[in-house]
């Protein structure tokens, strides 16, 4: 792999993925763009080639489709120039859990959970073997907040956070950095797809600000980056509290509060 690795970005036709592609192109990285919308990717690729002189390949794929996803997995396994994976593709669903058809939830899980997991699994062994590279997984603060009422979507983003943290612990010693990025409300098309008018939402971050902050965290080697969280000590406290509980899990007997008396 070259000193400036190529970057594969999913969900690259618009929004967060497109800005990631722009920012990595500005840094001199060649790109592989993955999304369903070929026309948008071609327009973005033409702009990036002209402005930054980088090579840009387009790999059309619906990542919820196992056959199309397999082509992306193969590219990640075999293309030794790709050293960074940006797992950005994702979707949400309108309505509450009771309103959402089970088949729609299954497709959501395929895109938000199965796809990023399989893509990470496709590239991780090669990165670990060469001792360098990175995986960026775009999650959401919703994964930390069941109070937001987005049961299925939030659960998929909780999975992304856990996967990222566990992989960073496992692969970090082998030179592979894994970062979870947790946006809050960001001005992307996902709102319209979910049936929500973004103009009615408070505190919406612009996509460029989100990605620039995420890349600042990436450059600093953060395992978890939460661009809208101004008080970083809150996350540190959250992690410390979680880690304090861990030693107490190794118990052969239930906690006294769960012991029934005759």
Protein backbone atom coordinates (compact mmCIF):
# COMPACT_ATOMS: atom_id res chain seq x y z
CA UNK A 1 0.00 0.00 0.00
CA UNK A 2 1.24 3.49 -0.83
CA UNK A 3 2.07 6.12 1.81
CA UNK A 4 -1.18 7.85 0.87
CA UNK A 5 -3.74 5.04 0.87
CA UNK A 6 -6.90 5.04 -1.18
CA UNK A 7 -10.16 5.53 0.72
CA UNK A 8 -13.39 3.63 0.10
CA UNK A 9 -16.43 5.64 1.15
CA UNK A 10 -19.94 4.17 1.32
CA UNK A 11 -23.02 6.32 0.95
CA UNK A 12 -20.78 8.60 -1.09
CA UNK A 13 -23.29 10.15 -3.46
CA UNK A 14 -24.52 12.82 -1.07
CA UNK A 15 -24.38 14.20 2.47
CA UNK A 16 -21.77 13.01 4.92
CA UNK A 17 -20.26 10.47 2.52
CA UNK A 18 -19.80 13.02 -0.26
CA UNK A 19 -18.08 15.46 2.11
CA UNK A 20 -15.79 12.71 3.41
CA UNK A 21 -14.83 12.04 -0.21
CA UNK A 22 -14.14 15.74 -0.79
CA UNK A 23 -12.02 16.06 2.34
CA UNK A 24 -9.93 12.96 1.65
CA UNK A 25 -9.45 14.04 -1.97
CA UNK A 26 -8.22 17.41 -0.69
CA UNK A 27 -5.66 15.46 1.38
CA UNK A 28 -4.45 13.69 -1.76
CA UNK A 29 -6.12 10.31 -1.35
CA UNK A 30 -7.45 8.34 -4.31
CA UNK A 31 -11.02 7.23 -3.79
CA UNK A 32 -13.52 4.46 -4.36
CA UNK A 33 -17.07 5.77 -4.12
CA UNK A 34 -19.89 3.37 -3.24
CA UNK A 35 -23.59 4.25 -3.44
CA UNK A 36 -26.70 3.50 -5.44
CA UNK A 37 -26.94 6.82 -7.32
CA UNK A 38 -24.47 6.51 -10.22
CA UNK A 39 -25.26 9.92 -11.71
CA UNK A 40 -24.44 11.74 -8.49
CA UNK A 41 -21.27 9.75 -7.96
CA UNK A 42 -20.11 10.47 -11.50
CA UNK A 43 -20.64 14.20 -11.00
CA UNK A 44 -18.77 14.14 -7.68
CA UNK A 45 -15.95 12.06 -9.16
CA UNK A 46 -15.51 14.47 -12.08
CA UNK A 47 -15.27 17.40 -9.67
CA UNK A 48 -12.75 15.68 -7.40
CA UNK A 49 -10.56 14.61 -10.31
CA UNK A 50 -10.54 18.12 -11.73
CA UNK A 51 -9.98 19.95 -8.45
CA UNK A 52 -7.55 17.61 -6.70
CA UNK A 53 -5.99 15.44 -9.39
CA UNK A 54 -6.87 12.20 -7.60
CA UNK A 55 -8.07 8.94 -9.10
CA UNK A 56 -11.71 8.19 -8.35
CA UNK A 57 -13.42 4.85 -9.05
CA UNK A 58 -17.17 4.37 -8.86
CA UNK A 59 -18.63 1.14 -7.51
CA UNK A 60 -22.44 1.23 -7.67
CA UNK A 61 -24.05 -0.94 -5.00
CA UNK A 62 -27.08 -1.23 -2.79
CA UNK A 63 -25.40 -2.45 0.39
CA UNK A 64 -28.60 -4.00 1.69
CA UNK A 65 -28.43 -6.38 -1.31
CA UNK A 66 -26.12 -9.33 -0.51
CA UNK A 67 -25.05 -9.82 -4.13
CA UNK A 68 -24.16 -6.17 -4.72
CA UNK A 69 -22.53 -5.91 -1.28
CA UNK A 70 -20.32 -8.89 -2.09
CA UNK A 71 -18.66 -6.93 -4.91
CA UNK A 72 -17.66 -4.23 -2.41
CA UNK A 73 -16.36 -6.84 0.04
CA UNK A 74 -14.23 -8.36 -2.72
CA UNK A 75 -12.80 -4.96 -3.62
CA UNK A 76 -11.87 -4.34 0.02
CA UNK A 77 -10.22 -7.74 0.37
CA UNK A 78 -8.25 -7.60 -2.88
CA UNK A 79 -7.38 -3.97 -3.57
CA UNK A 80 -4.19 -3.41 -1.61
CA UNK A 81 -4.27 0.32 -2.38
CA UNK A 82 -7.32 0.80 -0.14
CA UNK A 83 -6.14 1.54 3.38
CA UNK A 84 -9.11 3.44 4.83
CA UNK A 85 -12.76 2.39 4.92
CA UNK A 86 -15.45 4.94 5.70
CA UNK A 87 -18.59 3.01 6.66
CA UNK A 88 -21.08 5.83 6.20
CA UNK A 89 -24.05 4.37 4.32
CA UNK A 90 -27.16 4.16 6.46
CA UNK A 91 -30.84 4.88 6.69
CA UNK A 92 -33.60 5.61 9.15
CA UNK A 93 -37.31 4.83 9.25
CA UNK A 94 -40.33 7.07 9.83
CA UNK A 95 -42.73 6.40 12.66
CA UNK A 96 -42.41 4.38 15.84
CA UNK A 97 -41.50 0.72 16.25
CA UNK A 98 -45.17 -0.27 16.24
CA UNK A 99 -45.73 1.61 12.98
CA UNK A 100 -42.72 0.20 11.12
CA UNK A 101 -43.23 -2.97 9.04
CA UNK A 102 -40.98 -5.83 10.10
CA UNK A 103 -39.60 -6.14 6.56
CA UNK A 104 -38.55 -2.47 6.62
CA UNK A 105 -36.79 -3.00 9.95
CA UNK A 106 -34.99 -6.02 8.51
CA UNK A 107 -33.77 -3.95 5.54
CA UNK A 108 -32.66 -1.21 7.96
CA UNK A 109 -30.60 -3.73 9.91
CA UNK A 110 -29.11 -5.09 6.68
CA UNK A 111 -27.89 -1.63 5.70
CA UNK A 112 -26.99 -0.19 9.12
CA UNK A 113 -25.56 -3.29 10.78
CA UNK A 114 -24.87 -6.17 8.41
CA UNK A 115 -23.24 -4.10 5.68
CA UNK A 116 -20.74 -2.15 7.81
CA UNK A 117 -19.87 -5.29 9.76
CA UNK A 118 -19.19 -7.32 6.62
CA UNK A 119 -17.22 -4.52 4.99
CA UNK A 120 -15.08 -4.09 8.10
CA UNK A 121 -14.58 -7.85 8.20
CA UNK A 122 -13.50 -7.82 4.55
CA UNK A 123 -10.74 -5.24 5.02
CA UNK A 124 -9.61 -5.76 8.63
CA UNK A 125 -7.46 -8.89 8.12
CA UNK A 126 -5.48 -7.22 5.34
CA UNK A 127 -4.97 -4.02 7.33
CA UNK A 128 -3.89 -5.97 10.40
CA UNK A 129 -1.44 -8.03 8.34
CA UNK A 130 0.18 -4.93 6.88
CA UNK A 131 0.16 -3.12 10.23
CA UNK A 132 -1.59 0.06 9.14
CA UNK A 133 -4.90 1.51 8.02
CA UNK A 134 -8.17 2.71 9.47
CA UNK A 135 -11.89 2.05 9.62
CA UNK A 136 -14.25 4.96 10.25
CA UNK A 137 -17.77 3.92 11.27
CA UNK A 138 -20.45 6.62 11.22
CA UNK A 139 -22.94 5.98 14.00
CA UNK A 140 -25.21 8.40 15.83
CA UNK A 141 -25.78 9.87 19.28
CA UNK A 142 -29.20 8.20 19.04
CA UNK A 143 -27.39 4.98 19.89
CA UNK A 144 -26.75 6.47 23.34
CA UNK A 145 -30.27 7.80 23.88
CA UNK A 146 -33.22 5.37 23.91
CA UNK A 147 -35.25 8.35 25.18
CA UNK A 148 -35.28 9.66 21.60
CA UNK A 149 -37.79 6.93 20.76
CA UNK A 150 -36.02 5.61 17.63
CA UNK A 151 -35.91 1.98 18.75
CA UNK A 152 -34.68 0.09 15.68
CA UNK A 153 -32.51 2.88 14.28
CA UNK A 154 -30.96 3.64 17.66
CA UNK A 155 -30.24 -0.03 18.24
CA UNK A 156 -28.34 -0.24 14.95
CA UNK A 157 -26.24 2.75 15.98
CA UNK A 158 -25.54 1.24 19.41
CA UNK A 159 -24.22 -1.77 17.55
CA UNK A 160 -21.91 0.43 15.47
CA UNK A 161 -20.48 2.07 18.59
CA UNK A 162 -19.84 -1.24 20.33
CA UNK A 163 -18.35 -2.80 17.20
CA UNK A 164 -16.04 0.16 16.69
CA UNK A 165 -14.80 0.24 20.27
CA UNK A 166 -14.22 -3.51 20.36
CA UNK A 167 -12.41 -3.51 17.02
CA UNK A 168 -10.25 -0.58 18.06
CA UNK A 169 -9.17 -2.54 21.15
CA UNK A 170 -8.51 -5.68 19.11
CA UNK A 171 -6.82 -4.09 16.10
CA UNK A 172 -5.09 -1.09 17.65
CA UNK A 173 -2.05 -3.10 18.69
CA UNK A 174 -1.71 -4.20 15.06
CA UNK A 175 -1.58 -0.65 13.77
CA UNK A 176 -5.20 -0.31 12.67
CA UNK A 177 -7.22 2.61 14.02
CA UNK A 178 -10.99 2.24 14.30
CA UNK A 179 -13.04 5.36 14.96
CA UNK A 180 -16.74 5.69 15.72
CA UNK A 181 -18.24 9.04 14.72
CA UNK A 182 -21.47 9.96 16.50
CA UNK A 183 -23.29 12.85 14.84
CA UNK A 184 -26.41 14.43 16.27
CA UNK A 185 -28.87 16.21 13.98
CA UNK A 186 -27.05 16.93 10.71
CA UNK A 187 -28.42 18.56 7.58
CA UNK A 188 -28.67 15.55 5.25
CA UNK A 189 -31.36 13.95 3.10
CA UNK A 190 -32.07 11.32 5.76
CA UNK A 191 -34.62 13.69 7.32
CA UNK A 192 -36.77 13.80 4.20
CA UNK A 193 -36.55 10.03 3.81
CA UNK A 194 -37.82 9.73 7.39
CA UNK A 195 -40.72 12.09 6.75
CA UNK A 196 -39.33 14.90 8.94
CA UNK A 197 -38.93 18.54 7.91
CA UNK A 198 -35.36 19.37 8.95
CA UNK A 199 -36.33 23.03 9.38
CA UNK A 200 -38.44 22.02 12.38
CA UNK A 201 -35.44 20.44 14.13
CA UNK A 202 -33.36 22.39 16.64
CA UNK A 203 -29.56 22.48 16.61
CA UNK A 204 -28.93 21.03 13.16
CA UNK A 205 -25.22 20.87 12.25
CA UNK A 206 -24.02 21.50 8.71
CA UNK A 207 -22.47 18.47 7.03
CA UNK A 208 -19.14 20.18 6.35
CA UNK A 209 -18.77 21.14 10.02
CA UNK A 210 -19.62 17.59 11.07
CA UNK A 211 -17.06 15.93 8.80
CA UNK A 212 -14.33 18.46 9.58
CA UNK A 213 -14.80 17.84 13.29
CA UNK A 214 -14.87 14.08 12.75
CA UNK A 215 -11.60 14.24 10.82
CA UNK A 216 -10.04 16.37 13.55
CA UNK A 217 -10.90 13.57 15.98
CA UNK A 218 -9.54 11.04 13.51
CA UNK A 219 -6.25 12.92 13.26
CA UNK A 220 -6.05 12.98 17.06
CA UNK A 221 -6.52 9.21 17.20
CA UNK A 222 -9.85 9.31 19.03
CA UNK A 223 -11.69 5.99 19.20
CA UNK A 224 -15.01 7.83 19.61
CA UNK A 225 -15.70 11.30 18.24
CA UNK A 226 -18.91 13.17 19.11
CA UNK A 227 -18.75 16.47 17.19
CA UNK A 228 -21.71 18.16 18.94
CA UNK A 229 -20.55 17.31 22.48
CA UNK A 230 -18.82 20.46 23.77
CA UNK A 231 -17.93 19.06 27.18
CA UNK A 232 -15.64 16.15 26.42
CA UNK A 233 -15.36 15.40 30.14
CA UNK A 234 -18.95 14.13 30.01
CA UNK A 235 -17.96 11.34 27.62
CA UNK A 236 -14.89 10.59 29.71
CA UNK A 237 -17.12 10.28 32.77
CA UNK A 238 -19.57 8.06 30.92
CA UNK A 239 -16.77 5.73 29.85
CA UNK A 240 -15.23 5.72 33.32
CA UNK A 241 -18.58 4.77 34.90
CA UNK A 242 -19.04 1.95 32.40
CA UNK A 243 -15.54 0.61 33.00
CA UNK A 244 -16.02 0.79 36.79
CA UNK A 245 -18.91 -1.66 36.50
CA UNK A 246 -17.00 -4.22 34.45
CA UNK A 247 -15.09 -5.94 37.31
CA UNK A 248 -18.38 -6.49 39.11
CA UNK A 249 -19.76 -8.61 36.28
CA UNK A 250 -17.57 -11.59 37.25
CA UNK A 251 -19.78 -13.00 40.00
CA UNK A 252 -20.97 -16.54 40.60
CA UNK A 253 -23.98 -15.40 42.61
CA UNK A 254 -26.78 -12.94 41.82
CA UNK A 255 -26.69 -9.57 43.52
CA UNK A 256 -28.36 -9.56 46.95
CA UNK A 257 -31.19 -7.38 45.67
CA UNK A 258 -32.29 -10.23 43.39
CA UNK A 259 -32.30 -12.95 46.03
CA UNK A 260 -35.79 -13.97 46.99
CA UNK A 261 -36.58 -14.70 50.60
CA UNK A 262 -38.87 -17.51 51.66
